[in-house]
Amino acid sequence: MEKTARKRPKTEKCEMTCKSDPREIAKVEKFLKKVNQKARLDDGTMYRLLVATTEAVNNAIIHGNRFNPRKRVSISCQIKDHTLFLTVKDSGRGFDPSSLANPLEEENLLKESGRGIFLIRSLMDEVDFRMHKRGTSVIMKVDLSKLG
């Protein structure tokens, strides 16, 4: 039986904004369900996207915006050709991702934090960090051509 490729729109965009409050993370799944109506991801890819996005939003709220109620986290998704781009942007001071400790090194194994970026990089096909005057963007990419 021949496998038929799922038809995906050429370009689609979805956006949402949330407050710098950890309770807002619950909105991410609802947002990604809307994204998935357009992207038609398989269950495994949807789960990877959910975990990575939740982690990125959590990092933006805690580390980027430092729970500041006046600052927001924006989440945008663009599907272009055969790639899904999901961007999480905070309004914080920014950071150097290369300065993060390796969570797999023995001295870091029992630390309570420090695994988020490692997890995001492990789950996504590609991850890019961009520093702005007012914040950091994490751009996560999923290659849709790999999916059925």
N, C-alpha and C. Protein backbone atom coordinates (compact mmCIF):
# COMPACT_ATOMS: atom_id res chain seq x y z
N MET A 1 0.84 -1.17 0.00
CA MET A 1 0.00 0.00 0.00
C MET A 1 0.89 1.24 0.00
N GLU A 2 0.64 2.14 -0.90
CA GLU A 2 1.44 3.35 -1.04
C GLU A 2 1.02 4.40 -0.02
N LYS A 3 2.03 5.01 0.61
CA LYS A 3 1.78 6.04 1.61
C LYS A 3 1.58 7.39 0.91
N THR A 4 0.50 8.08 1.22
CA THR A 4 0.25 9.37 0.59
C THR A 4 0.65 10.48 1.54
N ALA A 5 1.32 11.47 1.03
CA ALA A 5 1.77 12.60 1.85
C ALA A 5 0.58 13.46 2.25
N ARG A 6 0.64 13.95 3.46
CA ARG A 6 -0.41 14.85 3.93
C ARG A 6 -0.23 16.20 3.28
N LYS A 7 -1.31 16.75 2.78
CA LYS A 7 -1.26 18.09 2.18
C LYS A 7 -1.21 19.12 3.30
N ARG A 8 -0.24 20.01 3.21
CA ARG A 8 -0.11 21.08 4.19
C ARG A 8 -0.17 22.41 3.44
N PRO A 9 -0.74 23.44 4.07
CA PRO A 9 -0.78 24.74 3.43
C PRO A 9 0.64 25.27 3.22
N LYS A 10 0.82 26.10 2.19
CA LYS A 10 2.15 26.65 1.91
C LYS A 10 2.64 27.53 3.05
N THR A 11 1.84 28.49 3.51
CA THR A 11 2.24 29.36 4.62
C THR A 11 1.04 29.60 5.52
N GLU A 12 1.23 29.35 6.78
CA GLU A 12 0.20 29.58 7.80
C GLU A 12 0.87 30.21 9.00
N LYS A 13 0.13 31.06 9.73
CA LYS A 13 0.67 31.69 10.94
C LYS A 13 -0.37 31.62 12.06
N CYS A 14 0.12 31.43 13.27
CA CYS A 14 -0.70 31.48 14.49
C CYS A 14 0.12 32.20 15.54
N GLU A 15 -0.54 32.99 16.38
CA GLU A 15 0.18 33.73 17.42
C GLU A 15 -0.64 33.76 18.71
N MET A 16 0.07 33.87 19.83
CA MET A 16 -0.57 34.09 21.12
C MET A 16 0.41 34.81 22.04
N THR A 17 -0.12 35.42 23.06
CA THR A 17 0.68 36.11 24.06
C THR A 17 0.20 35.64 25.43
N CYS A 18 1.14 35.50 26.35
CA CYS A 18 0.74 35.13 27.71
C CYS A 18 1.49 36.00 28.72
N LYS A 19 0.92 36.08 29.91
CA LYS A 19 1.52 36.84 30.99
C LYS A 19 2.71 36.08 31.55
N SER A 20 3.54 36.76 32.31
CA SER A 20 4.70 36.12 32.94
C SER A 20 4.28 35.46 34.25
N ASP A 21 3.40 34.49 34.11
CA ASP A 21 2.84 33.76 35.23
C ASP A 21 2.83 32.28 34.84
N PRO A 22 3.45 31.42 35.64
CA PRO A 22 3.51 29.99 35.29
C PRO A 22 2.15 29.35 35.01
N ARG A 23 1.08 29.89 35.56
CA ARG A 23 -0.26 29.34 35.29
C ARG A 23 -0.65 29.52 33.83
N GLU A 24 -0.01 30.45 33.14
CA GLU A 24 -0.31 30.70 31.72
C GLU A 24 0.18 29.57 30.81
N ILE A 25 1.08 28.74 31.31
CA ILE A 25 1.64 27.66 30.50
C ILE A 25 0.54 26.70 30.04
N ALA A 26 -0.54 26.62 30.81
CA ALA A 26 -1.66 25.74 30.43
C ALA A 26 -2.25 26.13 29.07
N LYS A 27 -2.08 27.38 28.67
CA LYS A 27 -2.62 27.85 27.39
C LYS A 27 -1.83 27.33 26.18
N VAL A 28 -0.61 26.88 26.44
CA VAL A 28 0.25 26.43 25.35
C VAL A 28 -0.35 25.23 24.62
N GLU A 29 -0.87 24.27 25.35
CA GLU A 29 -1.43 23.08 24.71
C GLU A 29 -2.60 23.44 23.80
N LYS A 30 -3.47 24.33 24.27
CA LYS A 30 -4.61 24.76 23.46
C LYS A 30 -4.12 25.45 22.18
N PHE A 31 -3.10 26.30 22.31
CA PHE A 31 -2.51 26.98 21.15
C PHE A 31 -1.95 25.96 20.17
N LEU A 32 -1.21 24.97 20.68
CA LEU A 32 -0.60 23.98 19.80
C LEU A 32 -1.64 23.07 19.14
N LYS A 33 -2.77 22.88 19.77
CA LYS A 33 -3.85 22.12 19.12
C LYS A 33 -4.36 22.88 17.90
N LYS A 34 -4.43 24.22 18.01
CA LYS A 34 -4.81 25.04 16.84
C LYS A 34 -3.76 24.92 15.74
N VAL A 35 -2.49 24.99 16.15
CA VAL A 35 -1.39 24.84 15.19
C VAL A 35 -1.51 23.50 14.48
N ASN A 36 -1.81 22.46 15.25
CA ASN A 36 -1.85 21.11 14.69
C ASN A 36 -3.01 20.91 13.72
N GLN A 37 -4.05 21.71 13.84
CA GLN A 37 -5.14 21.64 12.86
C GLN A 37 -4.61 22.00 11.48
N LYS A 38 -3.62 22.87 11.44
CA LYS A 38 -3.03 23.28 10.17
C LYS A 38 -1.84 22.40 9.77
N ALA A 39 -1.02 22.02 10.77
CA ALA A 39 0.21 21.28 10.49
C ALA A 39 -0.02 19.78 10.31
N ARG A 40 -1.05 19.25 10.93
CA ARG A 40 -1.37 17.83 10.87
C ARG A 40 -0.17 16.95 11.23
N LEU A 41 0.34 17.17 12.44
CA LEU A 41 1.49 16.43 12.93
C LEU A 41 1.08 15.05 13.43
N ASP A 42 2.01 14.11 13.39
CA ASP A 42 1.73 12.81 14.01
C ASP A 42 1.83 12.99 15.52
N ASP A 43 1.35 12.01 16.27
CA ASP A 43 1.29 12.13 17.73
C ASP A 43 2.67 12.37 18.36
N GLY A 44 3.68 11.66 17.88
CA GLY A 44 5.02 11.80 18.44
C GLY A 44 5.59 13.20 18.22
N THR A 45 5.41 13.74 17.03
CA THR A 45 5.91 15.08 16.73
C THR A 45 5.14 16.13 17.52
N MET A 46 3.83 15.94 17.65
CA MET A 46 3.02 16.87 18.45
C MET A 46 3.49 16.86 19.90
N TYR A 47 3.77 15.70 20.44
CA TYR A 47 4.25 15.59 21.82
C TYR A 47 5.60 16.29 21.98
N ARG A 48 6.53 16.05 21.05
CA ARG A 48 7.84 16.71 21.10
C ARG A 48 7.69 18.23 21.07
N LEU A 49 6.81 18.71 20.20
CA LEU A 49 6.57 20.15 20.08
C LEU A 49 5.96 20.71 21.36
N LEU A 50 5.03 19.98 21.95
CA LEU A 50 4.40 20.42 23.19
C LEU A 50 5.41 20.51 24.33
N VAL A 51 6.24 19.51 24.50
CA VAL A 51 7.23 19.52 25.58
C VAL A 51 8.24 20.64 25.37
N ALA A 52 8.76 20.77 24.15
CA ALA A 52 9.76 21.80 23.87
C ALA A 52 9.18 23.21 24.04
N THR A 53 7.97 23.43 23.55
CA THR A 53 7.35 24.75 23.65
C THR A 53 7.03 25.10 25.10
N THR A 54 6.50 24.14 25.84
CA THR A 54 6.20 24.36 27.25
C THR A 54 7.48 24.73 28.00
N GLU A 55 8.55 24.04 27.72
CA GLU A 55 9.83 24.33 28.38
C GLU A 55 10.33 25.72 28.00
N ALA A 56 10.22 26.09 26.73
CA ALA A 56 10.67 27.41 26.28
C ALA A 56 9.83 28.53 26.91
N VAL A 57 8.52 28.34 27.02
CA VAL A 57 7.65 29.34 27.65
C VAL A 57 7.98 29.45 29.14
N ASN A 58 8.17 28.31 29.78
CA ASN A 58 8.54 28.30 31.19
C ASN A 58 9.84 29.07 31.41
N ASN A 59 10.85 28.81 30.57
CA ASN A 59 12.12 29.53 30.68
C ASN A 59 11.93 31.03 30.45
N ALA A 60 11.08 31.39 29.50
CA ALA A 60 10.84 32.81 29.21
C ALA A 60 10.20 33.51 30.40
N ILE A 61 9.25 32.85 31.05
CA ILE A 61 8.57 33.43 32.20
C ILE A 61 9.53 33.56 33.39
N ILE A 62 10.26 32.48 33.69
CA ILE A 62 11.10 32.45 34.89
C ILE A 62 12.41 33.19 34.69
N HIS A 63 13.17 32.80 33.68
CA HIS A 63 14.53 33.33 33.49
C HIS A 63 14.56 34.61 32.67
N GLY A 64 13.71 34.70 31.65
CA GLY A 64 13.71 35.89 30.81
C GLY A 64 12.99 37.05 31.46
N ASN A 65 11.73 36.88 31.73
CA ASN A 65 10.91 37.97 32.29
C ASN A 65 10.94 38.04 33.80
N ARG A 66 11.50 37.05 34.45
CA ARG A 66 11.63 37.01 35.91
C ARG A 66 10.30 37.27 36.62
N PHE A 67 9.25 36.66 36.11
CA PHE A 67 7.89 36.74 36.67
C PHE A 67 7.32 38.16 36.69
N ASN A 68 7.92 39.08 35.95
CA ASN A 68 7.47 40.47 35.94
C ASN A 68 6.08 40.55 35.31
N PRO A 69 5.06 40.96 36.07
CA PRO A 69 3.69 40.97 35.54
C PRO A 69 3.48 41.96 34.40
N ARG A 70 4.38 42.91 34.22
CA ARG A 70 4.25 43.88 33.11
C ARG A 70 4.83 43.34 31.81
N LYS A 71 5.57 42.25 31.90
CA LYS A 71 6.20 41.69 30.70
C LYS A 71 5.40 40.50 30.19
N ARG A 72 5.43 40.30 28.88
CA ARG A 72 4.68 39.24 28.23
C ARG A 72 5.63 38.28 27.51
N VAL A 73 5.10 37.11 27.24
CA VAL A 73 5.80 36.12 26.41
C VAL A 73 4.95 35.94 25.16
N SER A 74 5.58 36.07 24.01
CA SER A 74 4.82 35.87 22.77
C SER A 74 5.25 34.54 22.14
N ILE A 75 4.27 33.86 21.59
CA ILE A 75 4.50 32.57 20.94
C ILE A 75 3.92 32.70 19.53
N SER A 76 4.72 32.39 18.56
CA SER A 76 4.22 32.43 17.19
C SER A 76 4.66 31.18 16.46
N CYS A 77 3.82 30.78 15.54
CA CYS A 77 4.11 29.60 14.75
C CYS A 77 3.89 29.95 13.29
N GLN A 78 4.83 29.56 12.48
CA GLN A 78 4.68 29.76 11.05
C GLN A 78 5.01 28.43 10.37
N ILE A 79 4.13 28.03 9.49
CA ILE A 79 4.38 26.85 8.67
C ILE A 79 4.67 27.37 7.28
N LYS A 80 5.88 27.09 6.84
CA LYS A 80 6.29 27.58 5.52
C LYS A 80 6.92 26.42 4.76
N ASP A 81 6.33 26.13 3.62
CA ASP A 81 6.75 24.99 2.81
C ASP A 81 6.72 23.73 3.69
N HIS A 82 7.84 23.12 3.94
CA HIS A 82 7.85 21.88 4.71
C HIS A 82 8.53 22.05 6.06
N THR A 83 8.44 23.26 6.62
CA THR A 83 9.05 23.52 7.92
C THR A 83 8.08 24.25 8.82
N LEU A 84 8.02 23.80 10.07
CA LEU A 84 7.24 24.48 11.10
C LEU A 84 8.24 25.25 11.96
N PHE A 85 8.06 26.57 12.06
CA PHE A 85 8.90 27.43 12.89
C PHE A 85 8.06 27.86 14.08
N LEU A 86 8.50 27.56 15.28
CA LEU A 86 7.80 28.01 16.47
C LEU A 86 8.75 28.89 17.26
N THR A 87 8.33 30.14 17.51
CA THR A 87 9.18 31.11 18.19
C THR A 87 8.56 31.50 19.53
N VAL A 88 9.37 31.48 20.57
CA VAL A 88 8.97 31.94 21.90
C VAL A 88 9.89 33.12 22.22
N LYS A 89 9.26 34.28 22.49
CA LYS A 89 10.03 35.51 22.73
C LYS A 89 9.66 36.10 24.08
N ASP A 90 10.71 36.44 24.85
CA ASP A 90 10.49 37.09 26.14
C ASP A 90 10.99 38.53 26.06
N SER A 91 10.84 39.26 27.17
CA SER A 91 11.26 40.67 27.23
C SER A 91 12.40 40.85 28.21
N GLY A 92 13.16 39.80 28.44
CA GLY A 92 14.24 39.84 29.43
C GLY A 92 15.54 40.41 28.90
N ARG A 93 16.59 40.23 29.69
CA ARG A 93 17.90 40.78 29.36
C ARG A 93 18.68 39.94 28.37
N GLY A 94 18.26 38.72 28.14
CA GLY A 94 18.98 37.85 27.23
C GLY A 94 20.04 37.03 27.94
N PHE A 95 20.60 36.06 27.24
CA PHE A 95 21.62 35.19 27.80
C PHE A 95 22.43 34.58 26.67
N ASP A 96 23.56 34.01 27.04
CA ASP A 96 24.42 33.34 26.07
C ASP A 96 24.22 31.83 26.23
N PRO A 97 23.52 31.19 25.29
CA PRO A 97 23.25 29.76 25.44
C PRO A 97 24.51 28.90 25.50
N SER A 98 25.61 29.38 24.93
CA SER A 98 26.85 28.59 24.97
C SER A 98 27.48 28.60 26.37
N SER A 99 27.02 29.50 27.24
CA SER A 99 27.58 29.57 28.59
C SER A 99 26.89 28.61 29.56
N LEU A 100 25.85 27.93 29.09
CA LEU A 100 25.12 27.01 29.97
C LEU A 100 25.94 25.76 30.24
N ALA A 101 25.86 25.28 31.48
CA ALA A 101 26.57 24.07 31.86
C ALA A 101 25.93 22.86 31.18
N ASN A 102 26.75 21.86 30.89
CA ASN A 102 26.27 20.62 30.29
C ASN A 102 25.55 19.81 31.38
N PRO A 103 24.24 19.58 31.23
CA PRO A 103 23.50 18.86 32.27
C PRO A 103 23.89 17.39 32.40
N LEU A 104 24.66 16.87 31.44
CA LEU A 104 25.07 15.47 31.49
C LEU A 104 26.39 15.26 32.23
N GLU A 105 27.08 16.36 32.56
CA GLU A 105 28.32 16.22 33.32
C GLU A 105 27.99 15.86 34.76
N GLU A 106 28.84 15.05 35.35
CA GLU A 106 28.57 14.48 36.68
C GLU A 106 28.19 15.53 37.73
N GLU A 107 28.89 16.64 37.75
CA GLU A 107 28.61 17.67 38.77
C GLU A 107 27.26 18.36 38.58
N ASN A 108 26.63 18.17 37.41
CA ASN A 108 25.35 18.82 37.12
C ASN A 108 24.15 17.86 37.18
N LEU A 109 24.39 16.59 37.34
CA LEU A 109 23.32 15.60 37.26
C LEU A 109 22.23 15.79 38.30
N LEU A 110 22.57 16.23 39.49
CA LEU A 110 21.58 16.36 40.56
C LEU A 110 21.05 17.78 40.74
N LYS A 111 21.48 18.69 39.88
CA LYS A 111 20.97 20.06 39.98
C LYS A 111 19.50 20.10 39.61
N GLU A 112 18.77 21.01 40.26
CA GLU A 112 17.32 21.10 40.02
C GLU A 112 16.97 21.81 38.72
N SER A 113 17.88 22.56 38.15
CA SER A 113 17.59 23.26 36.90
C SER A 113 18.76 23.06 35.94
N GLY A 114 18.60 23.57 34.73
CA GLY A 114 19.70 23.50 33.77
C GLY A 114 19.51 22.50 32.66
N ARG A 115 18.34 21.88 32.58
CA ARG A 115 18.12 20.88 31.55
C ARG A 115 17.19 21.34 30.43
N GLY A 116 16.56 22.50 30.60
CA GLY A 116 15.55 22.96 29.65
C GLY A 116 16.05 23.13 28.24
N ILE A 117 17.13 23.87 28.07
CA ILE A 117 17.67 24.11 26.73
C ILE A 117 18.16 22.80 26.12
N PHE A 118 18.79 21.97 26.94
CA PHE A 118 19.25 20.65 26.49
C PHE A 118 18.06 19.84 25.97
N LEU A 119 16.96 19.86 26.70
CA LEU A 119 15.75 19.13 26.32
C LEU A 119 15.17 19.67 25.01
N ILE A 120 15.08 20.99 24.92
CA ILE A 120 14.55 21.62 23.69
C ILE A 120 15.39 21.21 22.48
N ARG A 121 16.71 21.29 22.64
CA ARG A 121 17.60 20.93 21.52
C ARG A 121 17.46 19.45 21.16
N SER A 122 17.22 18.61 22.14
CA SER A 122 17.08 17.17 21.90
C SER A 122 15.78 16.84 21.16
N LEU A 123 14.74 17.61 21.40
CA LEU A 123 13.42 17.31 20.85
C LEU A 123 13.15 17.91 19.48
N MET A 124 13.77 19.04 19.18
CA MET A 124 13.50 19.75 17.93
C MET A 124 14.55 19.41 16.87
N ASP A 125 14.19 19.58 15.61
CA ASP A 125 15.13 19.31 14.52
C ASP A 125 16.24 20.36 14.48
N GLU A 126 15.88 21.58 14.88
CA GLU A 126 16.86 22.68 14.90
C GLU A 126 16.37 23.72 15.89
N VAL A 127 17.32 24.36 16.60
CA VAL A 127 16.98 25.41 17.57
C VAL A 127 17.97 26.55 17.38
N ASP A 128 17.43 27.77 17.38
CA ASP A 128 18.25 28.96 17.22
C ASP A 128 17.85 29.96 18.30
N PHE A 129 18.83 30.67 18.85
CA PHE A 129 18.57 31.70 19.85
C PHE A 129 18.97 33.04 19.27
N ARG A 130 18.08 34.02 19.42
CA ARG A 130 18.38 35.38 18.93
C ARG A 130 18.16 36.37 20.06
N MET A 131 19.17 37.20 20.29
CA MET A 131 19.07 38.23 21.31
C MET A 131 18.60 39.52 20.65
N HIS A 132 17.71 40.21 21.33
CA HIS A 132 17.18 41.48 20.86
C HIS A 132 17.47 42.54 21.91
N LYS A 133 17.23 43.79 21.58
CA LYS A 133 17.40 44.85 22.57
C LYS A 133 16.50 44.61 23.77
N ARG A 134 15.33 44.06 23.52
CA ARG A 134 14.37 43.80 24.59
C ARG A 134 13.93 42.34 24.58
N GLY A 135 14.88 41.44 24.84
CA GLY A 135 14.48 40.06 24.98
C GLY A 135 15.25 39.06 24.15
N THR A 136 14.82 37.83 24.29
CA THR A 136 15.43 36.71 23.60
C THR A 136 14.33 35.94 22.87
N SER A 137 14.65 35.48 21.68
CA SER A 137 13.74 34.60 20.94
C SER A 137 14.39 33.23 20.83
N VAL A 138 13.59 32.21 21.06
CA VAL A 138 14.00 30.83 20.81
C VAL A 138 13.19 30.38 19.61
N ILE A 139 13.89 30.05 18.53
CA ILE A 139 13.23 29.61 17.30
C ILE A 139 13.47 28.11 17.16
N MET A 140 12.38 27.36 17.21
CA MET A 140 12.45 25.90 17.11
C MET A 140 11.89 25.49 15.75
N LYS A 141 12.56 24.55 15.12
CA LYS A 141 12.14 24.13 13.78
C LYS A 141 11.84 22.63 13.76
N VAL A 142 10.77 22.29 13.04
CA VAL A 142 10.40 20.91 12.81
C VAL A 142 10.33 20.71 11.30
N ASP A 143 11.07 19.75 10.82
CA ASP A 143 11.07 19.42 9.39
C ASP A 143 9.86 18.54 9.09
N LEU A 144 8.85 19.13 8.46
CA LEU A 144 7.62 18.41 8.18
C LEU A 144 7.76 17.40 7.04
N SER A 145 8.81 17.54 6.24
CA SER A 145 8.98 16.60 5.13
C SER A 145 9.34 15.20 5.63
N LYS A 146 9.80 15.09 6.88
CA LYS A 146 10.12 13.79 7.47
C LYS A 146 8.87 13.03 7.88
N LEU A 147 7.76 13.75 8.01
CA LEU A 147 6.52 13.14 8.48
C LEU A 147 5.75 12.53 7.33
N GLY A 148 4.91 11.57 7.63
CA GLY A 148 4.11 10.89 6.61
C GLY A 148 3.03 11.74 6.05
